[in-house]
Amino acid sequence: MTARPDAYDEALSAAARHARSWLASLPDRPIPPRLTADELAAELAEPLPDGPTDPGKVVDLLAELVEPGLMAMPSGRFFGWVIGGTLPAALGADWLVSSWDQNTAIRFATPGTTAVEQAAAGWLLDLLGLPADAEVGFVTGATMANFTGLAAGRRQQLDAAGWDADRLGLAGGPRVRVLAGAERHETLDAALRYLGLGAPTEIRADAEGRLETDALAEALAAGSGPAIVCLQAGNLHSGAFDPLGPAAAVAHEHGAWVHVDGAFGLWAAASPRLRHLVAGHETADSWATDAHKTLNVPYDCGIVVARRPALRAAVGMRASYLVQGAGDPVDSVPELSRRARGVPVWAALRSLGRTGVADLVDRLAANARAIAAGIASVPGAQVLNDVVFTQVCAAFGDDERTRAVTARLLADGVTWMSGSRWRGRDVMRVSVSNWSTDDADVAAAVDAVRRAAAG
């Protein structure tokens, strides 16, 4: 029979208590985990109990065991990789998503969450300046958003070439050329590999990592047949943006599908101050981004957008046992079983409003500039990129010293700025992605860099 409502009370009360405790610890908590995965695995390596355990005690035990292995990623002093925090409304909405437990695949079965996702999709298209009639899918992250957008492009280009890939597969058909900047993100290559498209033709990039339009034109002219051009809104290291409008125009002159990987940078379109960075982005054919980066919703939530009806043609499915109609979520994503990822997006956007989203994006970029200025004032430090958005790369002399400074910074624990390698040298990389980062967090992070450099 259906579970009694009070069957969940102890587990939910315990989860809420531990969640509040975790969130309360973030302002002062050291960023790194206290235990390694191997150490935690050893503690968790017990035989499965023969009998049941009270749900509330299970949640207590889980929190107790895992807490030492948690990195303070939601902290305003965390600047590693490209990971945002979680807005309060988005977190609350995500709890509801789990409680409602709706498999948001078809409108008939889940009208509530489907309608919320549809509303969120409309807001996204408006905020990001994308075609109002485009299709939107909520996937797991940028990798799957790129995968899905590129799948749409592959289908469109093969159809235009007269090849029925649905019936015949890829073998024996025309090769789809893919062209991408030399400083593309690795997830793009992964998506191309999954799709059987192979490695892309690399297009020369400038000193900030921006694809050069002239080089793209030359490469397109040197070949023929179906083509996809991948552009980037936000370089992982410099934050720089490809010349989206001019590059898309060149690509379309050669009949190519244009896909934009905008995992974190596409959100510049929501800011009147920063919109120039993505000028012409609306002329592309598909776009990928992450809501759990710049928008700060909980993991996981990637977003793919494509011109209608490209997504439905590429990834949509039909089954006799489903009650399906036009506009089902399953028509826009490569999943039949999925949580209602768009609900926290709706909550985040509804809580911020248009000006709030713009302020969030502007604040992230302003904090990146402030951190860059602070690092530049540290003796021996050099900021290597033009800080146009939310990414900063710095070096402290030769590679050995840069690695040493980065290691001391991470051991200090006050902030987290991950090491990387860019344009032939080791760097300390800063990604400002958290809505809660304030002036005090910026000052504490810069002071930590200063201590590490002095060590």
Protein backbone atom coordinates (compact mmCIF):
# COMPACT_ATOMS: atom_id res chain seq x y z
CA MET A 1 0.00 0.00 0.00
CA THR A 2 1.06 3.66 -0.28
CA ALA A 3 3.54 4.62 2.43
CA ARG A 4 2.17 6.56 5.40
CA PRO A 5 3.26 10.23 5.38
CA ASP A 6 4.95 9.84 8.75
CA ALA A 7 7.19 7.10 7.33
CA TYR A 8 9.40 9.85 5.94
CA ASP A 9 9.46 12.11 9.00
CA GLU A 10 12.61 10.89 10.73
CA ALA A 11 14.69 10.64 7.54
CA LEU A 12 13.63 14.08 6.26
CA SER A 13 14.12 15.71 9.65
CA ALA A 14 17.60 14.23 9.88
CA ALA A 15 18.44 15.31 6.33
CA ALA A 16 17.25 18.87 7.00
CA ARG A 17 19.27 19.03 10.21
CA HIS A 18 22.45 17.85 8.53
CA ALA A 19 21.89 20.09 5.50
CA ARG A 20 21.54 23.16 7.72
CA SER A 21 24.64 22.17 9.66
CA TRP A 22 26.62 21.78 6.42
CA LEU A 23 25.47 25.12 5.04
CA ALA A 24 26.18 26.84 8.36
CA SER A 25 29.76 25.54 8.28
CA LEU A 26 30.62 27.03 4.87
CA PRO A 27 31.57 30.62 5.86
CA ASP A 28 34.45 29.43 8.08
CA ARG A 29 35.09 25.89 6.91
CA PRO A 30 38.45 25.01 5.30
CA ILE A 31 37.87 24.20 1.65
CA PRO A 32 39.66 20.82 1.24
CA PRO A 33 38.19 17.51 2.47
CA ARG A 34 39.77 16.11 5.62
CA LEU A 35 39.88 12.50 4.41
CA THR A 36 40.69 10.91 1.06
CA ALA A 37 38.38 8.66 -0.92
CA ASP A 38 40.51 5.64 -0.02
CA GLU A 39 40.33 6.46 3.68
CA LEU A 40 36.58 6.87 3.52
CA ALA A 41 36.16 3.71 1.47
CA ALA A 42 37.96 1.79 4.18
CA GLU A 43 35.50 3.08 6.78
CA LEU A 44 32.54 2.25 4.56
CA ALA A 45 33.80 -1.24 3.70
CA GLU A 46 31.54 -3.19 6.03
CA PRO A 47 29.32 -6.14 5.18
CA LEU A 48 25.77 -5.27 4.22
CA PRO A 49 23.66 -5.69 7.39
CA ASP A 50 21.38 -8.71 7.48
CA GLY A 51 18.38 -6.72 8.63
CA PRO A 52 16.87 -3.24 8.18
CA THR A 53 18.02 -0.03 9.84
CA ASP A 54 15.84 2.85 10.92
CA PRO A 55 15.71 5.46 8.06
CA GLY A 56 16.59 8.37 10.33
CA LYS A 57 19.63 6.51 11.66
CA VAL A 58 20.71 5.71 8.08
CA VAL A 59 20.69 9.41 7.21
CA ASP A 60 22.58 10.27 10.40
CA LEU A 61 25.16 7.59 9.64
CA LEU A 62 25.53 8.75 6.05
CA ALA A 63 26.13 12.35 7.09
CA GLU A 64 28.61 11.32 9.77
CA LEU A 65 30.61 9.11 7.42
CA VAL A 66 30.63 11.42 4.39
CA GLU A 67 31.14 14.81 6.03
CA PRO A 68 34.95 14.47 6.42
CA GLY A 69 35.18 13.78 2.69
CA LEU A 70 33.21 16.81 1.54
CA MET A 71 34.95 19.66 -0.25
CA ALA A 72 33.43 23.05 0.49
CA MET A 73 32.48 23.62 -3.15
CA PRO A 74 29.47 25.80 -2.21
CA SER A 75 31.76 28.21 -0.32
CA GLY A 76 32.26 31.74 -1.58
CA ARG A 77 36.02 31.05 -1.34
CA PHE A 78 35.94 28.12 -3.76
CA PHE A 79 37.30 29.02 -7.21
CA GLY A 80 38.19 25.59 -8.58
CA TRP A 81 37.25 24.20 -11.99
CA VAL A 82 33.96 25.94 -12.98
CA ILE A 83 31.60 25.07 -10.15
CA GLY A 84 28.92 27.38 -8.81
CA GLY A 85 27.06 27.26 -5.53
CA THR A 86 23.33 26.80 -5.05
CA LEU A 87 20.82 29.62 -4.78
CA PRO A 88 18.41 29.16 -1.85
CA ALA A 89 15.28 28.95 -4.01
CA ALA A 90 16.95 26.44 -6.32
CA LEU A 91 17.96 24.24 -3.38
CA GLY A 92 14.44 24.28 -1.95
CA ALA A 93 13.00 23.46 -5.36
CA ASP A 94 15.44 20.58 -5.78
CA TRP A 95 14.25 19.06 -2.51
CA LEU A 96 10.72 19.21 -3.88
CA VAL A 97 11.84 17.56 -7.13
CA SER A 98 13.12 14.57 -5.16
CA SER A 99 9.99 14.45 -3.00
CA TRP A 100 7.64 14.68 -5.98
CA ASP A 101 9.69 12.00 -7.79
CA GLN A 102 8.24 12.75 -11.21
CA ASN A 103 9.81 11.09 -14.24
CA THR A 104 9.48 14.19 -16.40
CA ALA A 105 9.45 12.61 -19.83
CA ILE A 106 5.90 13.02 -21.17
CA ARG A 107 3.36 15.79 -20.65
CA PHE A 108 0.42 13.45 -20.05
CA ALA A 109 2.01 11.75 -17.04
CA THR A 110 3.74 14.74 -15.41
CA PRO A 111 1.89 17.93 -16.41
CA GLY A 112 3.04 19.86 -13.34
CA THR A 113 6.79 19.55 -13.73
CA THR A 114 6.57 19.57 -17.52
CA ALA A 115 4.77 22.91 -17.45
CA VAL A 116 7.35 24.36 -15.05
CA GLU A 117 10.17 23.24 -17.34
CA GLN A 118 8.36 24.74 -20.32
CA ALA A 119 8.07 28.07 -18.51
CA ALA A 120 11.75 27.94 -17.52
CA ALA A 121 12.70 27.19 -21.12
CA GLY A 122 10.82 30.25 -22.32
CA TRP A 123 12.53 32.47 -19.76
CA LEU A 124 15.93 31.06 -20.74
CA LEU A 125 15.43 31.78 -24.44
CA ASP A 126 14.38 35.32 -23.62
CA LEU A 127 17.23 36.00 -21.17
CA LEU A 128 19.90 34.51 -23.41
CA GLY A 129 18.63 36.19 -26.57
CA LEU A 130 18.02 32.93 -28.42
CA PRO A 131 15.28 32.20 -30.98
CA ALA A 132 11.91 32.20 -29.23
CA ASP A 133 10.76 29.06 -31.08
CA ALA A 134 13.90 27.01 -30.37
CA GLU A 135 13.71 23.65 -28.60
CA VAL A 136 15.16 23.36 -25.09
CA GLY A 137 16.28 20.21 -23.29
CA PHE A 138 17.41 19.81 -19.68
CA VAL A 139 20.25 17.27 -19.60
CA THR A 140 22.88 16.32 -17.03
CA GLY A 141 25.63 18.83 -17.82
CA ALA A 142 27.64 20.56 -20.52
CA THR A 143 29.04 17.30 -21.90
CA MET A 144 25.56 15.96 -22.61
CA ALA A 145 24.36 19.37 -23.76
CA ASN A 146 27.20 19.41 -26.30
CA PHE A 147 26.44 15.80 -27.22
CA THR A 148 22.77 16.55 -27.83
CA GLY A 149 23.37 19.75 -29.78
CA LEU A 150 25.97 18.04 -31.94
CA ALA A 151 23.64 15.08 -32.47
CA ALA A 152 21.11 17.55 -33.82
CA GLY A 153 23.75 18.99 -36.12
CA ARG A 154 24.87 15.56 -37.30
CA ARG A 155 21.29 14.57 -38.13
CA GLN A 156 20.60 17.85 -39.93
CA GLN A 157 23.77 17.70 -42.03
CA LEU A 158 23.35 14.07 -43.01
CA ASP A 159 19.71 14.64 -43.92
CA ALA A 160 20.76 17.58 -46.11
CA ALA A 161 23.30 15.30 -47.80
CA GLY A 162 20.57 12.73 -48.55
CA TRP A 163 21.79 10.10 -46.09
CA ASP A 164 19.27 8.37 -43.78
CA ALA A 165 21.44 7.69 -40.75
CA ASP A 166 18.48 6.43 -38.71
CA ARG A 167 18.05 3.54 -41.12
CA LEU A 168 21.56 3.06 -42.50
CA GLY A 169 23.81 4.15 -39.63
CA LEU A 170 27.00 6.12 -40.20
CA ALA A 171 29.07 3.50 -42.03
CA GLY A 172 29.12 4.12 -45.76
CA GLY A 173 27.61 7.58 -45.45
CA PRO A 174 29.26 10.93 -46.12
CA ARG A 175 31.79 11.99 -43.53
CA VAL A 176 30.68 14.93 -41.41
CA ARG A 177 33.61 17.29 -41.00
CA VAL A 178 33.84 18.98 -37.59
CA LEU A 179 35.91 22.12 -37.11
CA ALA A 180 36.69 23.62 -33.70
CA GLY A 181 39.13 26.04 -32.12
CA ALA A 182 42.49 24.81 -30.91
CA GLU A 183 41.52 25.77 -27.33
CA ARG A 184 38.14 24.06 -27.19
CA HIS A 185 37.07 22.27 -24.02
CA GLU A 186 37.85 18.54 -23.82
CA THR A 187 34.19 17.65 -23.29
CA LEU A 188 33.56 18.68 -26.89
CA ASP A 189 35.99 15.99 -28.08
CA ALA A 190 34.29 13.49 -25.80
CA ALA A 191 30.88 14.30 -27.28
CA LEU A 192 32.24 13.97 -30.82
CA ARG A 193 33.75 10.61 -29.92
CA TYR A 194 30.44 9.37 -28.51
CA LEU A 195 28.72 10.44 -31.73
CA GLY A 196 31.21 8.64 -33.97
CA LEU A 197 32.35 11.90 -35.57
CA GLY A 198 36.00 11.59 -34.61
CA ALA A 199 38.49 14.29 -33.74
CA PRO A 200 37.77 17.78 -35.08
CA THR A 201 39.92 19.79 -37.44
CA GLU A 202 41.69 22.29 -35.20
CA ILE A 203 41.38 25.96 -36.10
CA ARG A 204 44.12 28.34 -35.05
CA ALA A 205 43.43 30.41 -31.94
CA ASP A 206 44.86 33.74 -30.81
CA ALA A 207 46.78 34.49 -27.62
CA GLU A 208 43.57 34.51 -25.54
CA GLY A 209 42.28 31.27 -27.04
CA ARG A 210 39.79 32.81 -29.48
CA LEU A 211 39.23 30.96 -32.75
CA GLU A 212 40.50 33.00 -35.72
CA THR A 213 37.79 33.56 -38.32
CA ASP A 214 40.20 33.78 -41.26
CA ALA A 215 41.65 30.40 -40.37
CA LEU A 216 38.14 28.96 -40.12
CA ALA A 217 37.27 30.28 -43.57
CA GLU A 218 40.43 28.75 -45.04
CA ALA A 219 39.74 25.35 -43.47
CA LEU A 220 36.12 25.29 -44.64
CA ALA A 221 37.14 26.24 -48.18
CA ALA A 222 39.74 23.47 -48.24
CA GLY A 223 37.12 20.73 -47.88
CA SER A 224 33.61 19.84 -48.92
CA GLY A 225 30.59 17.91 -47.76
CA PRO A 226 28.56 18.08 -44.54
CA ALA A 227 30.22 20.16 -41.82
CA ILE A 228 29.72 21.26 -38.23
CA VAL A 229 31.56 24.25 -36.77
CA CYS A 230 31.97 24.36 -32.98
CA LEU A 231 32.41 27.77 -31.38
CA GLN A 232 33.15 28.66 -27.77
CA ALA A 233 31.54 31.19 -25.46
CA GLY A 234 34.03 31.35 -22.60
CA ASN A 235 37.50 29.85 -22.74
CA LEU A 236 38.28 27.63 -19.76
CA HIS A 237 41.50 29.50 -18.96
CA SER A 238 41.08 33.05 -20.22
CA GLY A 239 37.31 33.39 -20.32
CA ALA A 240 37.67 34.74 -23.87
CA PHE A 241 34.88 34.35 -26.41
CA ASP A 242 35.20 33.26 -30.02
CA PRO A 243 33.97 35.90 -32.52
CA LEU A 244 30.59 34.19 -32.59
CA GLY A 245 28.77 36.36 -35.13
CA PRO A 246 31.52 36.58 -37.77
CA ALA A 247 32.52 32.92 -37.35
CA ALA A 248 28.90 31.75 -37.63
CA ALA A 249 28.46 33.82 -40.79
CA VAL A 250 31.52 32.21 -42.38
CA ALA A 251 30.33 28.75 -41.37
CA HIS A 252 26.87 29.30 -42.80
CA GLU A 253 28.35 30.53 -46.08
CA HIS A 254 29.77 27.01 -46.40
CA GLY A 255 26.53 25.30 -45.36
CA ALA A 256 27.83 24.23 -41.94
CA TRP A 257 25.81 23.71 -38.78
CA VAL A 258 27.05 26.01 -36.00
CA HIS A 259 27.16 24.80 -32.40
CA VAL A 260 28.14 27.04 -29.47
CA ASP A 261 29.70 25.53 -26.35
CA GLY A 262 28.77 28.11 -23.73
CA ALA A 263 29.01 26.04 -20.55
CA PHE A 264 29.51 29.09 -18.36
CA GLY A 265 29.97 31.96 -20.81
CA LEU A 266 26.63 31.89 -22.60
CA TRP A 267 25.20 33.62 -19.54
CA ALA A 268 27.00 36.81 -20.58
CA ALA A 269 24.02 37.29 -22.89
CA ALA A 270 21.85 37.96 -19.83
CA SER A 271 23.92 41.01 -18.85
CA PRO A 272 23.54 44.32 -20.72
CA ARG A 273 27.11 45.14 -19.67
CA LEU A 274 28.61 41.90 -20.97
CA ARG A 275 26.31 41.00 -23.85
CA HIS A 276 28.85 42.33 -26.37
CA LEU A 277 30.99 39.29 -25.60
CA VAL A 278 28.47 37.00 -27.33
CA ALA A 279 27.53 39.33 -30.19
CA GLY A 280 25.95 37.32 -33.00
CA HIS A 281 25.48 34.19 -30.89
CA GLU A 282 21.81 34.02 -31.82
CA THR A 283 22.72 33.22 -35.43
CA ALA A 284 24.09 29.79 -34.46
CA ASP A 285 22.03 26.61 -34.76
CA SER A 286 22.54 24.95 -31.37
CA TRP A 287 23.84 26.03 -27.99
CA ALA A 288 24.99 24.26 -24.80
CA THR A 289 25.32 25.60 -21.27
CA ASP A 290 25.23 24.59 -17.60
CA ALA A 291 22.74 25.89 -15.07
CA HIS A 292 24.88 24.56 -12.22
CA LYS A 293 27.71 26.86 -13.21
CA THR A 294 26.84 30.53 -13.69
CA LEU A 295 23.15 30.26 -12.72
CA ASN A 296 23.96 28.38 -9.48
CA VAL A 297 21.38 25.59 -9.39
CA PRO A 298 22.20 22.21 -7.78
CA TYR A 299 23.89 19.43 -9.71
CA ASP A 300 23.01 18.26 -12.22
CA CYS A 301 21.49 20.49 -14.89
CA GLY A 302 22.85 21.09 -18.36
CA ILE A 303 20.80 22.90 -20.99
CA VAL A 304 20.76 22.28 -24.73
CA VAL A 305 19.00 24.59 -27.18
CA ALA A 306 18.57 23.97 -30.91
CA ARG A 307 16.55 25.29 -33.79
CA ARG A 308 13.28 23.47 -34.22
CA PRO A 309 12.83 20.57 -35.00
CA ALA A 310 16.46 19.49 -34.79
CA LEU A 311 16.38 18.00 -31.28
CA ARG A 312 13.20 16.02 -31.83
CA ALA A 313 14.57 14.62 -35.07
CA ALA A 314 17.90 13.66 -33.50
CA VAL A 315 17.07 12.33 -30.03
CA GLY A 316 13.28 12.04 -29.76
CA MET A 317 11.72 8.60 -29.37
CA ARG A 318 8.29 6.97 -29.53
CA ALA A 319 6.94 3.89 -27.81
CA SER A 320 3.50 2.29 -28.04
CA TYR A 321 3.03 2.07 -24.27
CA LEU A 322 3.60 5.80 -23.72
CA VAL A 323 0.88 8.44 -24.07
CA GLN A 324 2.83 10.96 -26.12
CA GLY A 325 2.07 14.26 -27.73
CA ALA A 326 3.74 17.34 -29.15
CA GLY A 327 6.31 19.01 -26.93
CA ASP A 328 7.08 16.10 -24.64
CA PRO A 329 10.38 16.58 -22.76
CA VAL A 330 11.60 13.22 -24.07
CA ASP A 331 11.71 14.77 -27.54
CA SER A 332 14.54 17.12 -26.51
CA VAL A 333 16.87 14.91 -24.46
CA PRO A 334 18.55 11.50 -24.91
CA GLU A 335 16.80 10.07 -21.84
CA LEU A 336 13.46 8.49 -21.07
CA SER A 337 14.01 8.36 -17.32
CA ARG A 338 14.94 11.76 -15.88
CA ARG A 339 14.33 13.95 -12.89
CA ALA A 340 12.68 17.34 -13.37
CA ARG A 341 15.94 19.24 -13.73
CA GLY A 342 14.24 22.32 -15.08
CA VAL A 343 12.31 22.95 -11.85
CA PRO A 344 15.31 24.37 -9.91
CA VAL A 345 16.10 26.45 -13.01
CA TRP A 346 12.60 27.92 -12.84
CA ALA A 347 13.05 28.62 -9.12
CA ALA A 348 16.43 30.28 -9.64
CA LEU A 349 15.12 32.50 -12.43
CA ARG A 350 11.89 33.33 -10.59
CA SER A 351 13.81 34.29 -7.44
CA LEU A 352 16.31 36.51 -9.30
CA GLY A 353 14.21 38.05 -12.03
CA ARG A 354 15.74 39.60 -15.13
CA THR A 355 17.77 42.22 -13.26
CA GLY A 356 18.87 39.69 -10.65
CA VAL A 357 20.33 37.36 -13.27
CA ALA A 358 22.18 40.29 -14.85
CA ASP A 359 23.46 41.40 -11.44
CA LEU A 360 24.63 37.85 -10.67
CA VAL A 361 26.61 37.62 -13.92
CA ASP A 362 28.05 41.12 -13.48
CA ARG A 363 29.06 40.37 -9.89
CA LEU A 364 30.88 37.18 -10.86
CA ALA A 365 32.84 39.07 -13.51
CA ALA A 366 33.59 41.95 -11.12
CA ASN A 367 34.89 39.52 -8.49
CA ALA A 368 37.16 37.94 -11.11
CA ARG A 369 38.61 41.36 -11.94
CA ALA A 370 39.12 42.09 -8.25
CA ILE A 371 40.91 38.79 -7.67
CA ALA A 372 43.07 39.38 -10.74
CA ALA A 373 44.02 42.83 -9.48
CA GLY A 374 44.83 41.42 -6.05
CA ILE A 375 47.00 38.64 -7.46
CA ALA A 376 48.78 41.08 -9.76
CA SER A 377 49.83 43.05 -6.66
CA VAL A 378 51.57 40.00 -5.17
CA PRO A 379 55.37 40.17 -5.67
CA GLY A 380 56.44 37.80 -8.43
CA ALA A 381 52.91 37.12 -9.65
CA GLN A 382 51.73 37.67 -13.21
CA VAL A 383 48.15 37.55 -14.49
CA LEU A 384 48.41 35.94 -17.92
CA ASN A 385 45.01 36.62 -19.47
CA ASP A 386 42.84 39.56 -20.32
CA VAL A 387 40.13 39.19 -17.66
CA VAL A 388 36.97 39.73 -19.68
CA PHE A 389 34.61 37.44 -17.79
CA THR A 390 35.01 35.07 -14.83
CA GLN A 391 38.32 33.29 -15.43
CA VAL A 392 41.82 34.25 -14.26
CA CYS A 393 45.14 32.54 -14.92
CA ALA A 394 48.28 33.50 -13.03
CA ALA A 395 51.89 32.36 -12.84
CA PHE A 396 54.60 32.99 -10.25
CA GLY A 397 57.75 32.73 -12.30
CA ASP A 398 58.77 29.38 -13.72
CA ASP A 399 56.60 26.26 -13.71
CA GLU A 400 58.23 24.80 -10.62
CA ARG A 401 57.52 27.87 -8.53
CA THR A 402 53.96 28.18 -9.85
CA ARG A 403 53.28 24.57 -8.87
CA ALA A 404 54.79 25.16 -5.44
CA VAL A 405 52.73 28.28 -4.80
CA THR A 406 49.57 26.48 -5.90
CA ALA A 407 50.35 23.52 -3.65
CA ARG A 408 50.91 25.81 -0.64
CA LEU A 409 47.67 27.64 -1.37
CA LEU A 410 45.66 24.41 -1.44
CA ALA A 411 47.32 23.14 1.72
CA ASP A 412 46.45 26.42 3.46
CA GLY A 413 42.78 25.58 2.99
CA VAL A 414 41.31 29.10 3.02
CA THR A 415 40.57 29.09 -0.69
CA TRP A 416 40.76 26.73 -3.65
CA MET A 417 42.31 27.74 -6.96
CA SER A 418 43.17 24.74 -9.06
CA GLY A 419 46.38 24.30 -10.97
CA SER A 420 46.34 23.84 -14.73
CA ARG A 421 48.50 24.23 -17.81
CA TRP A 422 47.83 26.88 -20.44
CA ARG A 423 49.76 27.91 -23.52
CA GLY A 424 52.82 25.90 -22.58
CA ARG A 425 53.17 26.86 -18.93
CA ASP A 426 51.81 25.86 -15.54
CA VAL A 427 49.26 28.25 -14.09
CA MET A 428 47.12 28.86 -11.05
CA ARG A 429 43.58 28.99 -12.41
CA VAL A 430 40.71 30.91 -10.83
CA SER A 431 37.07 30.43 -11.82
CA VAL A 432 34.58 32.76 -10.13
CA SER A 433 31.23 31.00 -10.25
CA ASN A 434 29.54 31.28 -6.84
CA TRP A 435 26.66 33.66 -6.21
CA SER A 436 27.66 34.06 -2.55
CA THR A 437 31.24 35.26 -3.10
CA ASP A 438 31.57 38.72 -1.53
CA ASP A 439 34.29 41.30 -0.93
CA ALA A 440 35.44 39.51 2.22
CA ASP A 441 35.82 36.24 0.32
CA VAL A 442 37.82 38.00 -2.39
CA ALA A 443 40.10 39.63 0.20
CA ALA A 444 40.61 36.34 2.05
CA ALA A 445 41.45 34.55 -1.19
CA VAL A 446 43.98 37.19 -2.28
CA ASP A 447 45.58 37.16 1.18
CA ALA A 448 45.92 33.38 0.92
CA VAL A 449 47.64 33.73 -2.45
CA ARG A 450 49.98 36.31 -0.95
CA ARG A 451 50.89 33.94 1.91
CA ALA A 452 51.47 31.07 -0.51
CA ALA A 453 53.69 33.20 -2.73
CA ALA A 454 55.70 34.40 0.26
CA GLY A 455 56.26 30.86 1.50
